[in-house]
Amino acid sequence: MTSRVTLISPAIGLALREARFDDGCPLDASGLRLAQAAAGTLRAVDRAWVSPSVRCRETAEALGLEAVPIPELTGLDMGRWRGASLSEVSAREPEAVALWMADPGSAPHGGESVREFCDRIDAWLTSIARTEGRSIAVVNPEVVRAVAVRVLRAPEPAFWRIDVPPLTATEISGRSGRWNLRLGQPLGGAQSRSARPPEPS
């Protein structure tokens, strides 16, 4: 039994353009147009999932997917930093930001640590390992990073070294929980802007 999952990062929105931690902002007009342009390019799948965030749900809808929201795919909980930019937080709490970037087990914002987040996504990977056929999931960029870290068994600091441009597809395929990884393919018909959000987006 082989499970094949395509992870699609959402189109661009205001939070990404302003380099802010996602606070529920919708897609902007440009991001919506790019997602709609890519709508007919996806291969047929057996099931579709989506992170519960606004921009992921709007991207899935623009792509023509009837996707089921999966709570386990919620983005990294940024606690009191949600909605702020990394530069704003760095100015207010430089020591906390330095700790957060250096220690994957820390959560000075009061939310979820990178380690806890990667563990949560890893548990989801385990749960879908025996899901046969093709699946697609529109997920926050940090979910893609966590998947890459766990699939490759990379050290957790690698989380910060993975760029996930808008509207790109990352594919994993596996049997009995052993995954292969194919990173960052642009969706057909969409000229995705390679913008790096704050860490994580």
Protein backbone atom coordinates (compact mmCIF):
# COMPACT_ATOMS: atom_id res chain seq x y z
CA MET A 1 0.00 0.00 0.00
CA THR A 2 1.43 3.39 -1.02
CA SER A 3 0.11 6.71 0.21
CA ARG A 4 0.77 9.80 -1.90
CA VAL A 5 0.10 13.23 -0.45
CA THR A 6 0.58 16.59 -2.17
CA LEU A 7 0.95 19.50 0.24
CA ILE A 8 0.08 22.88 -1.30
CA SER A 9 1.12 26.13 0.36
CA PRO A 10 -1.53 28.87 0.28
CA ALA A 11 -1.56 31.86 -2.01
CA ILE A 12 -0.23 35.18 -0.80
CA GLY A 13 -2.20 37.41 1.53
CA LEU A 14 -1.70 40.60 3.49
CA ALA A 15 0.01 38.92 6.47
CA LEU A 16 2.66 37.43 4.18
CA ARG A 17 3.16 40.67 2.24
CA GLU A 18 3.66 42.56 5.52
CA ALA A 19 5.83 39.77 7.01
CA ARG A 20 3.48 39.18 9.93
CA PHE A 21 2.70 36.03 11.85
CA ASP A 22 -0.61 34.84 10.43
CA ASP A 23 -3.57 36.38 12.24
CA GLY A 24 -6.42 35.10 10.11
CA CYS A 25 -6.00 37.53 7.21
CA PRO A 26 -7.64 36.48 3.94
CA LEU A 27 -5.92 36.23 0.57
CA ASP A 28 -5.38 39.47 -1.30
CA ALA A 29 -6.69 39.98 -4.84
CA SER A 30 -3.40 38.97 -6.45
CA GLY A 31 -3.13 35.76 -4.44
CA LEU A 32 -6.72 34.85 -5.22
CA ARG A 33 -6.16 35.36 -8.95
CA LEU A 34 -3.06 33.15 -8.94
CA ALA A 35 -4.88 30.37 -7.09
CA GLN A 36 -7.80 30.54 -9.49
CA ALA A 37 -5.38 30.41 -12.43
CA ALA A 38 -3.96 27.15 -11.10
CA ALA A 39 -7.37 25.60 -10.48
CA GLY A 40 -7.42 23.33 -13.53
CA THR A 41 -3.87 22.04 -13.22
CA LEU A 42 -4.18 19.66 -10.27
CA ARG A 43 -4.33 15.94 -10.90
CA ALA A 44 -7.32 13.94 -9.69
CA VAL A 45 -7.13 12.82 -6.07
CA ASP A 46 -9.06 10.49 -3.81
CA ARG A 47 -9.45 13.05 -1.00
CA ALA A 48 -8.65 16.65 -0.11
CA TRP A 49 -7.80 18.19 3.25
CA VAL A 50 -7.12 21.74 4.39
CA SER A 51 -5.60 23.54 7.34
CA PRO A 52 -8.30 25.50 9.19
CA SER A 53 -6.66 28.92 8.54
CA VAL A 54 -8.54 31.48 6.44
CA ARG A 55 -5.93 31.71 3.70
CA CYS A 56 -5.66 27.92 3.37
CA ARG A 57 -9.43 27.53 3.14
CA GLU A 58 -9.69 30.33 0.59
CA THR A 59 -6.85 28.84 -1.45
CA ALA A 60 -8.49 25.41 -1.45
CA GLU A 61 -11.77 26.93 -2.59
CA ALA A 62 -10.04 28.96 -5.34
CA LEU A 63 -8.33 25.76 -6.53
CA GLY A 64 -11.73 24.11 -6.82
CA LEU A 65 -11.13 21.62 -4.01
CA GLU A 66 -13.86 20.32 -1.74
CA ALA A 67 -11.46 19.98 1.16
CA VAL A 68 -12.17 18.75 4.67
CA PRO A 69 -10.65 20.89 7.46
CA ILE A 70 -8.20 18.91 9.60
CA PRO A 71 -7.55 20.39 13.09
CA GLU A 72 -4.23 18.52 13.33
CA LEU A 73 -2.97 20.64 10.43
CA THR A 74 -3.52 23.95 12.23
CA GLY A 75 -0.49 26.21 11.92
CA LEU A 76 2.00 26.82 14.70
CA ASP A 77 0.36 28.54 17.67
CA MET A 78 2.25 31.82 18.05
CA GLY A 79 0.57 32.87 21.27
CA ARG A 80 0.77 36.59 21.99
CA TRP A 81 2.95 37.20 18.90
CA ARG A 82 0.10 36.37 16.54
CA GLY A 83 -0.49 39.25 14.13
CA ALA A 84 2.80 40.99 14.88
CA SER A 85 5.81 41.18 12.57
CA LEU A 86 9.11 39.56 13.50
CA SER A 87 10.74 42.99 13.56
CA GLU A 88 8.11 44.31 15.98
CA VAL A 89 8.53 41.35 18.30
CA SER A 90 12.33 41.57 18.08
CA ALA A 91 12.19 45.22 19.15
CA ARG A 92 9.92 44.46 22.11
CA GLU A 93 11.33 41.11 23.22
CA PRO A 94 14.81 40.59 21.75
CA GLU A 95 15.87 37.98 24.30
CA ALA A 96 12.66 35.99 23.83
CA VAL A 97 13.09 35.98 20.05
CA ALA A 98 16.72 34.88 20.36
CA LEU A 99 15.67 32.02 22.65
CA TRP A 100 12.87 30.98 20.31
CA MET A 101 15.19 30.87 17.29
CA ALA A 102 17.93 28.98 19.16
CA ASP A 103 15.94 26.43 21.16
CA PRO A 104 13.26 24.36 19.35
CA GLY A 105 11.80 23.38 22.72
CA SER A 106 11.09 26.97 23.78
CA ALA A 107 7.81 28.86 23.46
CA PRO A 108 8.40 32.32 24.96
CA HIS A 109 5.33 33.65 23.13
CA GLY A 110 3.12 31.41 25.26
CA GLY A 111 2.01 29.27 22.35
CA GLU A 112 3.52 26.12 20.86
CA SER A 113 7.22 25.28 20.57
CA VAL A 114 8.68 24.20 17.24
CA ARG A 115 9.36 20.77 18.74
CA GLU A 116 5.77 20.38 19.92
CA PHE A 117 4.55 21.49 16.52
CA CYS A 118 6.81 19.07 14.63
CA ASP A 119 5.66 16.27 16.94
CA ARG A 120 2.02 17.13 16.20
CA ILE A 121 2.58 17.05 12.46
CA ASP A 122 4.58 13.82 12.81
CA ALA A 123 1.59 12.22 14.59
CA TRP A 124 -0.59 13.25 11.65
CA LEU A 125 1.90 11.68 9.23
CA THR A 126 1.71 8.44 11.18
CA SER A 127 -2.08 8.53 11.04
CA ILE A 128 -2.17 8.83 7.24
CA ALA A 129 0.62 6.36 6.48
CA ARG A 130 -1.93 3.67 5.61
CA THR A 131 -4.21 5.97 3.60
CA GLU A 132 -4.09 4.42 0.16
CA GLY A 133 -4.23 6.44 -3.03
CA ARG A 134 -3.68 10.13 -3.72
CA SER A 135 -4.49 12.90 -1.29
CA ILE A 136 -4.03 16.66 -1.41
CA ALA A 137 -3.80 19.08 1.50
CA VAL A 138 -3.63 22.87 1.44
CA VAL A 139 -1.55 23.69 4.47
CA ASN A 140 0.33 26.55 6.13
CA PRO A 141 4.00 26.87 5.10
CA GLU A 142 5.19 25.86 8.56
CA VAL A 143 3.32 22.56 8.18
CA VAL A 144 5.38 21.85 5.05
CA ARG A 145 8.56 22.67 7.00
CA ALA A 146 7.59 20.34 9.83
CA VAL A 147 6.78 17.55 7.35
CA ALA A 148 10.19 17.96 5.70
CA VAL A 149 11.98 17.90 9.06
CA ARG A 150 10.24 14.74 10.23
CA VAL A 151 10.29 12.88 6.89
CA LEU A 152 14.03 13.48 6.52
CA ARG A 153 14.67 12.94 10.23
CA ALA A 154 16.53 16.23 10.18
CA PRO A 155 17.51 18.11 13.34
CA GLU A 156 14.79 20.50 14.44
CA PRO A 157 16.84 23.69 13.76
CA ALA A 158 16.52 22.77 10.06
CA PHE A 159 12.93 24.02 10.38
CA TRP A 160 14.28 27.56 10.00
CA ARG A 161 16.24 26.73 6.83
CA ILE A 162 13.33 25.66 4.64
CA ASP A 163 11.66 28.23 2.38
CA VAL A 164 8.12 27.49 1.21
CA PRO A 165 6.97 29.92 -1.51
CA PRO A 166 3.25 30.54 -2.05
CA LEU A 167 1.33 28.12 -4.26
CA THR A 168 3.97 25.42 -4.44
CA ALA A 169 3.42 21.68 -4.14
CA THR A 170 5.49 19.40 -1.93
CA GLU A 171 4.90 15.70 -2.46
CA ILE A 172 5.42 12.83 -0.05
CA SER A 173 4.91 9.20 -0.92
CA GLY A 174 5.46 6.20 1.23
CA ARG A 175 4.71 2.72 2.36
CA SER A 176 4.38 1.72 6.03
CA GLY A 177 5.34 5.19 7.20
CA ARG A 178 8.61 5.50 5.24
CA TRP A 179 8.25 8.62 3.15
CA ASN A 180 10.00 10.02 0.11
CA LEU A 181 9.97 13.78 -0.36
CA ARG A 182 9.75 16.02 -3.44
CA LEU A 183 9.97 19.72 -2.63
CA GLY A 184 8.60 22.97 -3.97
CA GLN A 185 7.07 22.43 -7.41
CA PRO A 186 5.16 25.56 -8.61
CA LEU A 187 1.55 24.88 -9.44
CA GLY A 188 0.93 24.95 -13.18
CA GLY A 189 -0.29 28.28 -14.47
CA ALA A 190 0.69 30.16 -11.29
CA GLN A 191 3.76 32.34 -11.18
CA SER A 192 4.30 32.12 -7.42
CA ARG A 193 6.26 34.92 -5.84
CA SER A 194 9.07 33.54 -3.71
CA ALA A 195 8.49 35.65 -0.61
CA ARG A 196 9.80 34.56 2.74
CA PRO A 197 7.40 35.18 5.61
CA PRO A 198 8.42 35.62 9.22
CA GLU A 199 9.42 32.37 10.86
CA PRO A 200 7.07 30.55 10.85
CA SER A 201 4.51 32.13 8.53
